[in-house]
Amino acid sequence: MKILAVGCIHGDILKVRKLAEKAEKEEVDLVVLCGDLTYADTSSENLIGPFLKKNKKVVFVPGNHDSIATMYLLQDLYKITNLHGNSVNIKGIGFFGCGGAPYVGPNLTITEEEIFDKLKKGHDKIKFLSKKVMVTHAHPKGSIGENLAHPIIKASKSIRKAIDQFKPNLLLYSHVHEAQGIEEIIGSTKLINVCKEGVIVNI
């Protein structure tokens, strides 16, 4: 499966159009949005439509800039899969996730306990699959992103716990703008910080 993964768009409609064109040109099977689609919950229009017009399937998690109301608006209006505490089986690959970020707003701030509970809830539904992709907005404790992030942007112990326990093949996340495009391995899991420029991934 070929994926275009992107996060931290922050309402940049021109960037979304370019990414939709990239998705079409690269003939991706799936677009994964890793949160912070809006900036402080403003400018939610035209963030999903350009991908759908290119006939691309979209899944997403909200970021800490996206409210619960916006999360439900996007999933219901565009009929796309929201992975926040949820999962989906696409061509035998299980996708599960959790949005928001610990400790920092302005909107979806989530506790460490909630993060792990939502990841476990999603994983439980697809744990029988041999290939699994975890999608979060925040970054895990012990990642390169933790060292590059602004001090206010804290890493998540629960995302790291989920990596260690659930052993997904791949973790796609954003949140740390300074870590755009960085790839690393933790245990048996490959981590990619996708952020605004987006990353093409094959799994």
C-alpha atoms as a PDB file:
ATOM      1  CA  MET A   1       0.000   0.000   0.000  1.00  0.00           C
ATOM      2  CA  LYS A   2       1.245   3.470  -0.900  1.00  0.00           C
ATOM      3  CA  ILE A   3       0.395   6.222   1.596  1.00  0.00           C
ATOM      4  CA  LEU A   4       0.674   9.992   1.628  1.00  0.00           C
ATOM      5  CA  ALA A   5       0.927  10.994   5.285  1.00  0.00           C
ATOM      6  CA  VAL A   6       0.790  14.629   6.387  1.00  0.00           C
ATOM      7  CA  GLY A   7       0.083  16.657   9.511  1.00  0.00           C
ATOM      8  CA  CYS A   8       0.123  20.184  10.931  1.00  0.00           C
ATOM      9  CA  ILE A   9      -1.526  21.742   7.879  1.00  0.00           C
ATOM     10  CA  HIS A  10      -2.979  24.481  10.133  1.00  0.00           C
ATOM     11  CA  GLY A  11      -5.603  25.620   7.637  1.00  0.00           C
ATOM     12  CA  ASP A  12      -3.215  26.091   4.701  1.00  0.00           C
ATOM     13  CA  ILE A  13      -5.611  25.498   1.807  1.00  0.00           C
ATOM     14  CA  LEU A  14      -2.956  26.076  -0.868  1.00  0.00           C
ATOM     15  CA  LYS A  15      -0.784  23.389   0.730  1.00  0.00           C
ATOM     16  CA  VAL A  16      -3.740  20.988   0.766  1.00  0.00           C
ATOM     17  CA  ARG A  17      -4.287  21.518  -2.963  1.00  0.00           C
ATOM     18  CA  LYS A  18      -0.617  20.815  -3.678  1.00  0.00           C
ATOM     19  CA  LEU A  19      -0.715  17.712  -1.492  1.00  0.00           C
ATOM     20  CA  ALA A  20      -3.844  16.483  -3.283  1.00  0.00           C
ATOM     21  CA  GLU A  21      -2.032  16.894  -6.587  1.00  0.00           C
ATOM     22  CA  LYS A  22       0.912  14.990  -5.152  1.00  0.00           C
ATOM     23  CA  ALA A  23      -1.401  12.200  -4.011  1.00  0.00           C
ATOM     24  CA  GLU A  24      -2.781  11.932  -7.531  1.00  0.00           C
ATOM     25  CA  LYS A  25       0.638  12.083  -9.217  1.00  0.00           C
ATOM     26  CA  GLU A  26       2.127   9.481  -6.872  1.00  0.00           C
ATOM     27  CA  GLU A  27      -0.987   7.281  -7.258  1.00  0.00           C
ATOM     28  CA  VAL A  28      -1.292   6.744  -3.523  1.00  0.00           C
ATOM     29  CA  ASP A  29      -3.881   4.354  -2.146  1.00  0.00           C
ATOM     30  CA  LEU A  30      -4.525   6.289   1.048  1.00  0.00           C
ATOM     31  CA  VAL A  31      -4.077   9.740   2.596  1.00  0.00           C
ATOM     32  CA  VAL A  32      -3.357   9.764   6.349  1.00  0.00           C
ATOM     33  CA  LEU A  33      -3.805  13.085   8.157  1.00  0.00           C
ATOM     34  CA  CYS A  34      -1.996  13.271  11.507  1.00  0.00           C
ATOM     35  CA  GLY A  35      -3.834  16.181  13.120  1.00  0.00           C
ATOM     36  CA  ASP A  36      -3.654  19.950  13.457  1.00  0.00           C
ATOM     37  CA  LEU A  37      -5.649  20.346  10.290  1.00  0.00           C
ATOM     38  CA  THR A  38      -6.817  23.740  11.587  1.00  0.00           C
ATOM     39  CA  TYR A  39      -5.106  26.588  13.383  1.00  0.00           C
ATOM     40  CA  ALA A  40      -6.766  26.990  16.772  1.00  0.00           C
ATOM     41  CA  ASP A  41      -9.908  25.472  15.240  1.00  0.00           C
ATOM     42  CA  THR A  42     -10.289  28.077  12.485  1.00  0.00           C
ATOM     43  CA  SER A  43     -10.343  27.521   8.711  1.00  0.00           C
ATOM     44  CA  SER A  44     -11.760  23.990   8.545  1.00  0.00           C
ATOM     45  CA  GLU A  45     -13.097  24.434   5.001  1.00  0.00           C
ATOM     46  CA  ASN A  46     -11.419  22.862   1.955  1.00  0.00           C
ATOM     47  CA  LEU A  47      -9.076  20.708   4.025  1.00  0.00           C
ATOM     48  CA  ILE A  48     -10.485  17.331   2.975  1.00  0.00           C
ATOM     49  CA  GLY A  49     -12.360  17.994  -0.275  1.00  0.00           C
ATOM     50  CA  PRO A  50      -9.287  18.354  -2.522  1.00  0.00           C
ATOM     51  CA  PHE A  51      -8.178  14.798  -1.632  1.00  0.00           C
ATOM     52  CA  LEU A  52     -11.648  13.371  -2.198  1.00  0.00           C
ATOM     53  CA  LYS A  53     -11.888  15.114  -5.578  1.00  0.00           C
ATOM     54  CA  LYS A  54      -8.782  13.155  -6.564  1.00  0.00           C
ATOM     55  CA  ASN A  55     -10.651   9.982  -5.512  1.00  0.00           C
ATOM     56  CA  LYS A  56      -8.352   9.355  -2.564  1.00  0.00           C
ATOM     57  CA  LYS A  57      -9.420   7.540   0.572  1.00  0.00           C
ATOM     58  CA  VAL A  58      -8.715   9.609   3.711  1.00  0.00           C
ATOM     59  CA  VAL A  59      -8.272   8.671   7.375  1.00  0.00           C
ATOM     60  CA  PHE A  60      -7.326  11.130  10.125  1.00  0.00           C
ATOM     61  CA  VAL A  61      -6.778  11.944  13.765  1.00  0.00           C
ATOM     62  CA  PRO A  62      -7.360  15.413  15.233  1.00  0.00           C
ATOM     63  CA  GLY A  63      -4.515  17.479  16.647  1.00  0.00           C
ATOM     64  CA  ASN A  64      -4.330  19.681  19.704  1.00  0.00           C
ATOM     65  CA  HIS A  65      -5.455  22.621  17.535  1.00  0.00           C
ATOM     66  CA  ASP A  66      -8.616  20.758  16.423  1.00  0.00           C
ATOM     67  CA  SER A  67     -11.692  20.668  18.646  1.00  0.00           C
ATOM     68  CA  ILE A  68     -13.929  17.657  19.209  1.00  0.00           C
ATOM     69  CA  ALA A  69     -16.659  19.503  17.291  1.00  0.00           C
ATOM     70  CA  THR A  70     -14.390  19.948  14.273  1.00  0.00           C
ATOM     71  CA  MET A  71     -13.338  16.302  14.473  1.00  0.00           C
ATOM     72  CA  TYR A  72     -16.952  15.142  14.225  1.00  0.00           C
ATOM     73  CA  LEU A  73     -17.757  17.737  11.565  1.00  0.00           C
ATOM     74  CA  LEU A  74     -14.975  16.453   9.302  1.00  0.00           C
ATOM     75  CA  GLN A  75     -15.823  12.782   9.775  1.00  0.00           C
ATOM     76  CA  ASP A  76     -19.553  13.267   9.262  1.00  0.00           C
ATOM     77  CA  LEU A  77     -19.445  15.843   6.474  1.00  0.00           C
ATOM     78  CA  TYR A  78     -16.872  14.025   4.348  1.00  0.00           C
ATOM     79  CA  LYS A  79     -17.658  10.451   5.451  1.00  0.00           C
ATOM     80  CA  ILE A  80     -14.021   9.745   6.276  1.00  0.00           C
ATOM     81  CA  THR A  81     -12.614   7.483   8.988  1.00  0.00           C
ATOM     82  CA  ASN A  82     -11.685   9.153  12.259  1.00  0.00           C
ATOM     83  CA  LEU A  83      -9.031   6.987  13.966  1.00  0.00           C
ATOM     84  CA  HIS A  84      -9.266   8.730  17.355  1.00  0.00           C
ATOM     85  CA  GLY A  85      -9.905   5.711  19.595  1.00  0.00           C
ATOM     86  CA  ASN A  86     -10.908   3.794  16.511  1.00  0.00           C
ATOM     87  CA  SER A  87      -9.462   1.530  13.824  1.00  0.00           C
ATOM     88  CA  VAL A  88     -10.027   0.388  10.266  1.00  0.00           C
ATOM     89  CA  ASN A  89      -8.890  -2.567   8.163  1.00  0.00           C
ATOM     90  CA  ILE A  90      -7.793  -1.420   4.708  1.00  0.00           C
ATOM     91  CA  LYS A  91      -6.625  -4.163   2.384  1.00  0.00           C
ATOM     92  CA  GLY A  92      -5.486  -6.294   5.311  1.00  0.00           C
ATOM     93  CA  ILE A  93      -3.565  -3.508   7.032  1.00  0.00           C
ATOM     94  CA  GLY A  94      -4.893  -2.296  10.376  1.00  0.00           C
ATOM     95  CA  PHE A  95      -4.853   1.432  11.109  1.00  0.00           C
ATOM     96  CA  PHE A  96      -5.536   2.664  14.646  1.00  0.00           C
ATOM     97  CA  GLY A  97      -4.855   5.909  16.403  1.00  0.00           C
ATOM     98  CA  CYS A  98      -5.281   8.699  18.883  1.00  0.00           C
ATOM     99  CA  GLY A  99      -5.352  12.440  18.306  1.00  0.00           C
ATOM    100  CA  GLY A 100      -4.679  15.444  20.485  1.00  0.00           C
ATOM    101  CA  ALA A 101      -1.597  15.992  22.605  1.00  0.00           C
ATOM    102  CA  PRO A 102      -0.766  15.797  26.297  1.00  0.00           C
ATOM    103  CA  TYR A 103      -0.175  18.916  28.375  1.00  0.00           C
ATOM    104  CA  VAL A 104      -0.703  21.539  25.652  1.00  0.00           C
ATOM    105  CA  GLY A 105      -3.818  23.106  23.988  1.00  0.00           C
ATOM    106  CA  PRO A 106      -5.409  25.161  22.591  1.00  0.00           C
ATOM    107  CA  ASN A 107      -8.125  22.582  21.922  1.00  0.00           C
ATOM    108  CA  LEU A 108      -7.786  18.801  22.174  1.00  0.00           C
ATOM    109  CA  THR A 109      -5.567  18.346  25.206  1.00  0.00           C
ATOM    110  CA  ILE A 110      -5.666  14.719  26.301  1.00  0.00           C
ATOM    111  CA  THR A 111      -4.305  12.919  29.359  1.00  0.00           C
ATOM    112  CA  GLU A 112      -1.748  10.141  29.167  1.00  0.00           C
ATOM    113  CA  GLU A 113      -4.357   7.694  30.465  1.00  0.00           C
ATOM    114  CA  GLU A 114      -6.782   8.679  27.718  1.00  0.00           C
ATOM    115  CA  ILE A 115      -4.102   8.350  25.056  1.00  0.00           C
ATOM    116  CA  PHE A 116      -3.274   4.775  25.988  1.00  0.00           C
ATOM    117  CA  ASP A 117      -6.927   3.802  26.455  1.00  0.00           C
ATOM    118  CA  LYS A 118      -7.832   5.099  22.996  1.00  0.00           C
ATOM    119  CA  LEU A 119      -4.861   3.409  21.339  1.00  0.00           C
ATOM    120  CA  LYS A 120      -5.695   0.131  23.066  1.00  0.00           C
ATOM    121  CA  LYS A 121      -9.360   0.398  22.080  1.00  0.00           C
ATOM    122  CA  GLY A 122      -8.424   0.864  18.441  1.00  0.00           C
ATOM    123  CA  HIS A 123      -5.714  -1.781  18.473  1.00  0.00           C
ATOM    124  CA  ASP A 124      -7.942  -4.418  20.062  1.00  0.00           C
ATOM    125  CA  LYS A 125     -10.138  -4.425  16.939  1.00  0.00           C
ATOM    126  CA  ILE A 126      -7.299  -5.062  14.483  1.00  0.00           C
ATOM    127  CA  LYS A 127      -4.704  -6.860  16.629  1.00  0.00           C
ATOM    128  CA  PHE A 128      -5.141 -10.081  14.639  1.00  0.00           C
ATOM    129  CA  LEU A 129      -3.748  -8.442  11.509  1.00  0.00           C
ATOM    130  CA  SER A 130      -0.083  -9.009  10.631  1.00  0.00           C
ATOM    131  CA  LYS A 131       0.482  -5.402   9.512  1.00  0.00           C
ATOM    132  CA  LYS A 132      -0.511  -2.473  11.714  1.00  0.00           C
ATOM    133  CA  VAL A 133      -0.063   1.282  11.424  1.00  0.00           C
ATOM    134  CA  MET A 134      -0.481   3.514  14.456  1.00  0.00           C
ATOM    135  CA  VAL A 135      -1.444   7.131  13.756  1.00  0.00           C
ATOM    136  CA  THR A 136      -1.031   9.829  16.385  1.00  0.00           C
ATOM    137  CA  HIS A 137      -0.650  13.560  16.498  1.00  0.00           C
ATOM    138  CA  ALA A 138       1.817  13.663  19.382  1.00  0.00           C
ATOM    139  CA  HIS A 139       5.266  12.077  19.480  1.00  0.00           C
ATOM    140  CA  PRO A 140       6.483   9.326  21.805  1.00  0.00           C
ATOM    141  CA  LYS A 141       8.848   9.568  24.725  1.00  0.00           C
ATOM    142  CA  GLY A 142      12.369   8.620  23.711  1.00  0.00           C
ATOM    143  CA  SER A 143      12.008   9.684  20.083  1.00  0.00           C
ATOM    144  CA  ILE A 144      14.243  12.059  18.153  1.00  0.00           C
ATOM    145  CA  GLY A 145      11.291  14.427  17.996  1.00  0.00           C
ATOM    146  CA  GLU A 146      11.421  14.804  21.773  1.00  0.00           C
ATOM    147  CA  ASN A 147      14.932  16.247  21.540  1.00  0.00           C
ATOM    148  CA  LEU A 148      14.008  18.685  18.771  1.00  0.00           C
ATOM    149  CA  ALA A 149      10.693  19.940  20.126  1.00  0.00           C
ATOM    150  CA  HIS A 150      10.132  23.265  21.855  1.00  0.00           C
ATOM    151  CA  PRO A 151      10.140  22.689  25.648  1.00  0.00           C
ATOM    152  CA  ILE A 152       6.372  23.276  25.836  1.00  0.00           C
ATOM    153  CA  ILE A 153       5.742  20.416  23.369  1.00  0.00           C
ATOM    154  CA  LYS A 154       5.986  17.359  25.590  1.00  0.00           C
ATOM    155  CA  ALA A 155       6.453  13.775  24.408  1.00  0.00           C
ATOM    156  CA  SER A 156       3.907  11.118  25.342  1.00  0.00           C
ATOM    157  CA  LYS A 157       4.798   8.237  27.644  1.00  0.00           C
ATOM    158  CA  SER A 158       1.595   6.470  26.597  1.00  0.00           C
ATOM    159  CA  ILE A 159       2.447   6.506  22.892  1.00  0.00           C
ATOM    160  CA  ARG A 160       5.811   4.965  23.780  1.00  0.00           C
ATOM    161  CA  LYS A 161       4.017   2.368  25.933  1.00  0.00           C
ATOM    162  CA  ALA A 162       1.737   1.536  22.992  1.00  0.00           C
ATOM    163  CA  ILE A 163       4.752   1.071  20.703  1.00  0.00           C
ATOM    164  CA  ASP A 164       6.327  -1.307  23.201  1.00  0.00           C
ATOM    165  CA  GLN A 165       3.144  -3.309  23.836  1.00  0.00           C
ATOM    166  CA  PHE A 166       1.374  -3.340  20.474  1.00  0.00           C
ATOM    167  CA  LYS A 167       4.470  -3.331  18.253  1.00  0.00           C
ATOM    168  CA  PRO A 168       2.935  -1.662  15.186  1.00  0.00           C
ATOM    169  CA  ASN A 169       4.962  -1.893  11.997  1.00  0.00           C
ATOM    170  CA  LEU A 170       4.736   1.852  11.542  1.00  0.00           C
ATOM    171  CA  LEU A 171       3.938   4.982  13.556  1.00  0.00           C
ATOM    172  CA  LEU A 172       2.951   8.120  11.664  1.00  0.00           C
ATOM    173  CA  TYR A 173       2.860  11.329  13.720  1.00  0.00           C
ATOM    174  CA  SER A 174       3.389  15.092  13.405  1.00  0.00           C
ATOM    175  CA  HIS A 175       3.182  17.800  16.156  1.00  0.00           C
ATOM    176  CA  VAL A 176       6.943  18.539  16.194  1.00  0.00           C
ATOM    177  CA  HIS A 177       7.434  20.855  13.219  1.00  0.00           C
ATOM    178  CA  GLU A 178      11.198  20.851  13.728  1.00  0.00           C
ATOM    179  CA  ALA A 179      11.339  17.085  13.145  1.00  0.00           C
ATOM    180  CA  GLN A 180       9.696  17.136   9.685  1.00  0.00           C
ATOM    181  CA  GLY A 181      10.648  14.030   7.706  1.00  0.00           C
ATOM    182  CA  ILE A 182      12.736  12.378  10.415  1.00  0.00           C
ATOM    183  CA  GLU A 183      12.625   8.580  10.454  1.00  0.00           C
ATOM    184  CA  GLU A 184      13.815   6.296  13.237  1.00  0.00           C
ATOM    185  CA  ILE A 185      13.300   2.839  14.700  1.00  0.00           C
ATOM    186  CA  ILE A 186      12.087   2.054  18.212  1.00  0.00           C
ATOM    187  CA  GLY A 187      12.012  -1.664  18.886  1.00  0.00           C
ATOM    188  CA  SER A 188      10.439  -3.189  15.795  1.00  0.00           C
ATOM    189  CA  THR A 189       8.471  -0.048  14.892  1.00  0.00           C
ATOM    190  CA  LYS A 190       9.451   2.483  12.248  1.00  0.00           C
ATOM    191  CA  LEU A 191       8.537   6.065  13.200  1.00  0.00           C
ATOM    192  CA  ILE A 192       8.069   8.909  10.739  1.00  0.00           C
ATOM    193  CA  ASN A 193       7.350  12.536  11.586  1.00  0.00           C
ATOM    194  CA  VAL A 194       5.325  13.623   8.566  1.00  0.00           C
ATOM    195  CA  CYS A 195       4.319  17.233   9.320  1.00  0.00           C
ATOM    196  CA  LYS A 196       3.268  19.776   6.708  1.00  0.00           C
ATOM    197  CA  GLU A 197       5.351  18.734   3.698  1.00  0.00           C
ATOM    198  CA  GLY A 198       4.025  15.185   3.822  1.00  0.00           C
ATOM    199  CA  VAL A 199       5.799  11.869   3.321  1.00  0.00           C
ATOM    200  CA  ILE A 200       5.198   9.055   0.839  1.00  0.00           C
ATOM    201  CA  VAL A 201       5.314   5.698   2.620  1.00  0.00           C
ATOM    202  CA  ASN A 202       5.056   2.171   1.280  1.00  0.00           C
ATOM    203  CA  ILE A 203       3.885  -0.590   3.598  1.00  0.00           C
END
